[in-house]
Amino acid sequence: MAELLYLTDAYVQTFEAIVTAVTDDGLVLDKTAFYPGGGGQPCDFGTLTADEQRWDVTKVKRVSGQIVHFVAGEKPGVGTAVTGQLDWDRRYKLMRTHTAMHILCGVIWRDYGASVTGGNMDPLKGRMDFEFETMRQELVAEIETAVNAEVAAARDTRVQILPREKAFQIPDLIRTKINLLPEGIKEVRTVELIGLDLQADGGTHVKNTSEVGRMRITDYKSKGKINKRIYVELE
């Protein structure tokens, strides 16, 4: 299994690695800082270089348990040393956005007890669905005020990898309506916005909520009898 650098340090921008396998689509490395996508967060982009050669990483995806870095053209052989470089501007925007989604989730869980029923994000914007029966403009304004108060509170982010048994002793660890963690997972990665939110999560986040920046709720829609969608953008 590759060493997944982003799990313990989301701020790694460049790294050295060895090619361990070559597929029709791309390269498998012994370590990577590229996030393969999941949990609503898109995959990273960037480049791989070796000597004078350079490959644009156009997609990263987990395939049959391996993380494949999709590249075009003639590929290096197994054993080649490469340097990985993330598209950091895009990644950092996604980190801010993902943490913003956790702030939104944490506020709505704390203040209204509503579970998450879905979500997705792009750099600096995203949407989340919650189990609300009704949604009105006054409620949306309350939520926007509350989430920006949490940004201003400058809450630190704490990431831990815990044994499954210990992780599931944490109350309300799973905030989604359906528990998406496979039964066979022995360790659970948790992301905590200290004092606000604690969830099982595999994505990348900023170190402090102050890095998120101001959040705006740009729209809301009913997606069903007890399913309301909230759209957020960052400034």
Protein backbone atom coordinates (compact mmCIF):
# COMPACT_ATOMS: atom_id res chain seq x y z
CA MET A 1 0.00 0.00 0.00
CA ALA A 2 1.22 3.49 -0.85
CA GLU A 3 1.98 5.98 1.91
CA LEU A 4 -0.79 8.60 1.74
CA LEU A 5 0.92 11.82 2.77
CA TYR A 6 -2.27 13.90 2.67
CA LEU A 7 -3.80 11.88 5.51
CA THR A 8 -1.38 13.29 8.09
CA ASP A 9 -0.17 16.53 6.45
CA ALA A 10 -2.52 18.26 4.00
CA TYR A 11 0.08 21.01 3.40
CA VAL A 12 2.60 18.82 1.54
CA GLN A 13 2.92 20.42 -1.90
CA THR A 14 5.91 18.55 -3.36
CA PHE A 15 7.23 15.07 -2.65
CA GLU A 16 9.66 12.42 -3.91
CA ALA A 17 8.36 8.97 -4.81
CA ILE A 18 9.14 5.78 -6.70
CA VAL A 19 6.98 4.31 -9.47
CA THR A 20 5.76 0.90 -8.27
CA ALA A 21 3.40 0.05 -11.13
CA VAL A 22 2.43 1.30 -14.57
CA THR A 23 -1.12 0.94 -15.87
CA ASP A 24 -2.77 1.84 -19.18
CA ASP A 25 -3.99 5.05 -17.56
CA GLY A 26 -1.08 6.14 -15.42
CA LEU A 27 1.29 5.51 -12.55
CA VAL A 28 1.14 3.99 -9.08
CA LEU A 29 3.64 5.44 -6.59
CA ASP A 30 5.03 4.22 -3.28
CA LYS A 31 3.85 7.48 -1.68
CA THR A 32 1.67 10.37 -2.77
CA ALA A 33 0.29 13.72 -1.66
CA PHE A 34 -2.36 13.66 -4.41
CA TYR A 35 -5.88 13.23 -3.02
CA PRO A 36 -7.78 10.65 -5.14
CA GLY A 37 -11.22 12.17 -4.57
CA GLY A 38 -14.00 11.03 -2.26
CA GLY A 39 -16.48 12.32 0.27
CA GLY A 40 -17.59 15.01 -2.15
CA GLN A 41 -14.07 16.42 -2.54
CA PRO A 42 -12.64 16.26 -6.09
CA CYS A 43 -9.24 14.75 -6.81
CA ASP A 44 -6.05 16.80 -7.06
CA PHE A 45 -4.25 17.87 -10.21
CA GLY A 46 -0.55 18.61 -10.70
CA THR A 47 2.60 17.23 -12.31
CA LEU A 48 5.12 14.41 -12.03
CA THR A 49 8.70 14.94 -13.24
CA ALA A 50 11.71 12.68 -13.72
CA ASP A 51 14.97 14.06 -15.11
CA GLU A 52 13.91 16.20 -18.11
CA GLN A 53 10.49 14.58 -18.52
CA ARG A 54 7.23 15.96 -17.18
CA TRP A 55 3.72 14.47 -17.01
CA ASP A 56 0.56 16.41 -16.25
CA VAL A 57 -1.59 14.60 -13.68
CA THR A 58 -5.10 15.08 -15.06
CA LYS A 59 -6.92 12.76 -12.66
CA VAL A 60 -6.18 10.73 -9.55
CA LYS A 61 -8.40 7.79 -8.71
CA ARG A 62 -8.41 4.77 -6.47
CA VAL A 63 -8.54 1.68 -8.69
CA SER A 64 -8.64 -1.84 -7.21
CA GLY A 65 -7.13 -0.54 -3.96
CA GLN A 66 -4.32 1.41 -5.66
CA ILE A 67 -4.11 5.15 -6.28
CA VAL A 68 -3.52 5.73 -9.98
CA HIS A 69 -2.12 9.06 -11.20
CA PHE A 70 -3.54 9.50 -14.71
CA VAL A 71 -0.92 10.75 -17.19
CA ALA A 72 -0.67 10.74 -20.98
CA GLY A 73 2.17 9.78 -23.29
CA GLU A 74 5.12 7.46 -22.77
CA LYS A 75 5.33 6.52 -19.12
CA PRO A 76 8.41 5.92 -16.97
CA GLY A 77 9.22 2.39 -15.91
CA VAL A 78 8.81 0.74 -12.54
CA GLY A 79 11.54 1.91 -10.17
CA THR A 80 11.80 5.42 -11.64
CA ALA A 81 12.22 8.20 -9.09
CA VAL A 82 9.74 11.03 -9.67
CA THR A 83 8.92 14.38 -8.07
CA GLY A 84 5.28 15.16 -7.49
CA GLN A 85 3.99 18.73 -7.49
CA LEU A 86 0.40 19.57 -6.60
CA ASP A 87 -1.63 22.31 -8.25
CA TRP A 88 -1.48 24.02 -4.88
CA ASP A 89 -3.79 26.94 -5.63
CA ARG A 90 -6.58 24.52 -6.49
CA ARG A 91 -5.84 22.14 -3.62
CA TYR A 92 -5.77 24.92 -1.02
CA LYS A 93 -9.10 26.26 -2.27
CA LEU A 94 -10.54 22.76 -1.91
CA MET A 95 -9.12 22.50 1.62
CA ARG A 96 -10.81 25.77 2.56
CA THR A 97 -14.04 24.60 0.96
CA HIS A 98 -14.02 21.20 2.66
CA THR A 99 -13.45 22.79 6.05
CA ALA A 100 -16.28 25.24 5.28
CA MET A 101 -18.58 22.27 4.69
CA HIS A 102 -17.63 20.89 8.10
CA ILE A 103 -18.36 24.25 9.71
CA LEU A 104 -21.78 24.28 8.04
CA CYS A 105 -22.44 20.70 9.10
CA GLY A 106 -21.26 21.36 12.65
CA VAL A 107 -23.44 24.44 13.08
CA ILE A 108 -26.55 22.78 11.69
CA TRP A 109 -26.03 19.65 13.79
CA ARG A 110 -25.39 21.69 16.95
CA ASP A 111 -28.21 24.18 16.48
CA TYR A 112 -30.88 22.14 14.69
CA GLY A 113 -29.92 18.45 15.04
CA ALA A 114 -30.23 17.86 11.28
CA SER A 115 -28.31 15.01 9.62
CA VAL A 116 -26.45 15.37 6.33
CA THR A 117 -28.05 13.53 3.40
CA GLY A 118 -25.54 14.46 0.69
CA GLY A 119 -22.97 16.95 -0.51
CA ASN A 120 -20.48 17.97 -3.15
CA MET A 121 -17.89 20.70 -3.71
CA ASP A 122 -15.71 22.50 -6.20
CA PRO A 123 -12.99 25.03 -5.39
CA LEU A 124 -14.56 27.81 -3.26
CA LYS A 125 -18.14 26.57 -3.58
CA GLY A 126 -20.22 23.60 -2.52
CA ARG A 127 -23.61 22.33 -1.51
CA MET A 128 -24.90 20.16 1.31
CA ASP A 129 -28.26 18.47 1.81
CA PHE A 130 -29.79 18.26 5.26
CA GLU A 131 -32.76 16.54 6.83
CA PHE A 132 -34.89 19.66 7.26
CA GLU A 133 -38.66 19.64 6.86
CA THR A 134 -38.81 23.38 6.15
CA MET A 135 -36.33 26.03 5.04
CA ARG A 136 -36.94 29.77 4.94
CA GLN A 137 -34.90 32.91 4.34
CA GLU A 138 -34.79 33.84 8.02
CA LEU A 139 -33.34 30.45 8.93
CA VAL A 140 -30.76 30.69 6.15
CA ALA A 141 -29.67 34.11 7.45
CA GLU A 142 -29.29 32.67 10.96
CA ILE A 143 -27.13 29.84 9.63
CA GLU A 144 -24.92 32.20 7.61
CA THR A 145 -24.32 34.38 10.67
CA ALA A 146 -23.50 31.33 12.78
CA VAL A 147 -21.04 29.78 10.32
CA ASN A 148 -19.13 33.03 9.93
CA ALA A 149 -18.93 33.33 13.71
CA GLU A 150 -17.19 29.94 13.69
CA VAL A 151 -14.76 31.13 11.02
CA ALA A 152 -13.95 34.14 13.19
CA ALA A 153 -13.57 31.90 16.26
CA ALA A 154 -10.35 30.57 14.68
CA ARG A 155 -10.89 26.97 15.76
CA ASP A 156 -7.95 24.62 15.25
CA THR A 157 -8.34 21.45 13.20
CA ARG A 158 -7.19 18.17 14.74
CA VAL A 159 -6.72 15.02 12.65
CA GLN A 160 -6.41 11.58 14.29
CA ILE A 161 -6.30 8.01 13.02
CA LEU A 162 -7.98 5.78 15.58
CA PRO A 163 -8.71 2.05 15.95
CA ARG A 164 -12.22 1.41 14.69
CA GLU A 165 -13.47 0.32 18.11
CA LYS A 166 -12.22 3.51 19.77
CA ALA A 167 -13.50 5.75 16.99
CA PHE A 168 -17.02 4.39 17.21
CA GLN A 169 -17.15 5.18 20.90
CA ILE A 170 -17.30 8.86 19.89
CA PRO A 171 -20.92 10.07 20.00
CA ASP A 172 -22.37 11.16 16.63
CA LEU A 173 -19.15 10.35 14.76
CA ILE A 174 -21.12 9.63 11.59
CA ARG A 175 -23.10 12.73 10.59
CA THR A 176 -24.37 11.40 7.30
CA LYS A 177 -27.78 9.77 7.21
CA ILE A 178 -26.13 6.53 6.05
CA ASN A 179 -22.90 5.15 7.54
CA LEU A 180 -20.59 4.92 4.51
CA LEU A 181 -17.64 3.32 6.32
CA PRO A 182 -17.06 -0.26 5.11
CA GLU A 183 -17.18 -2.95 7.79
CA GLY A 184 -13.63 -4.13 7.07
CA ILE A 185 -11.89 -0.84 7.89
CA LYS A 186 -9.75 -1.34 11.01
CA GLU A 187 -8.74 2.31 11.49
CA VAL A 188 -10.87 5.43 11.20
CA ARG A 189 -9.52 8.89 10.41
CA THR A 190 -11.31 11.65 12.27
CA VAL A 191 -11.28 15.38 11.61
CA GLU A 192 -12.19 17.69 14.47
CA LEU A 193 -12.86 21.41 14.43
CA ILE A 194 -12.09 21.73 18.11
CA GLY A 195 -15.15 22.81 20.04
CA LEU A 196 -17.53 22.54 17.09
CA ASP A 197 -17.43 19.41 14.95
CA LEU A 198 -15.95 15.90 15.02
CA GLN A 199 -16.50 13.47 12.15
CA ALA A 200 -15.03 10.50 10.35
CA ASP A 201 -13.48 11.98 7.22
CA GLY A 202 -10.81 11.14 4.62
CA GLY A 203 -10.35 14.53 2.94
CA THR A 204 -7.99 17.47 3.29
CA HIS A 205 -8.56 20.49 5.53
CA VAL A 206 -6.98 23.76 6.60
CA LYS A 207 -5.31 23.98 10.02
CA ASN A 208 -7.64 26.64 11.41
CA THR A 209 -11.15 27.81 10.57
CA SER A 210 -9.85 31.37 10.13
CA GLU A 211 -8.24 30.22 6.85
CA VAL A 212 -11.67 29.45 5.37
CA GLY A 213 -12.62 33.10 4.87
CA ARG A 214 -16.09 34.55 4.77
CA MET A 215 -18.86 32.14 3.77
CA ARG A 216 -21.97 33.16 1.86
CA ILE A 217 -25.11 31.06 1.51
CA THR A 218 -26.05 31.83 -2.07
CA ASP A 219 -29.17 29.70 -2.46
CA TYR A 220 -31.32 26.98 -0.92
CA LYS A 221 -33.77 24.50 -2.44
CA SER A 222 -36.16 21.78 -1.41
CA LYS A 223 -35.03 18.39 -2.71
CA GLY A 224 -37.80 16.42 -1.04
CA LYS A 225 -40.19 16.37 1.90
CA ILE A 226 -37.39 16.30 4.49
CA ASN A 227 -34.39 17.10 2.29
CA LYS A 228 -33.21 20.69 1.86
CA ARG A 229 -30.11 21.78 -0.10
CA ILE A 230 -27.90 24.70 0.93
CA TYR A 231 -25.39 26.28 -1.49
CA VAL A 232 -22.27 27.98 -0.12
CA GLU A 233 -19.53 30.10 -1.69
CA LEU A 234 -16.31 31.43 -0.16
CA GLU A 235 -14.92 34.89 -0.73
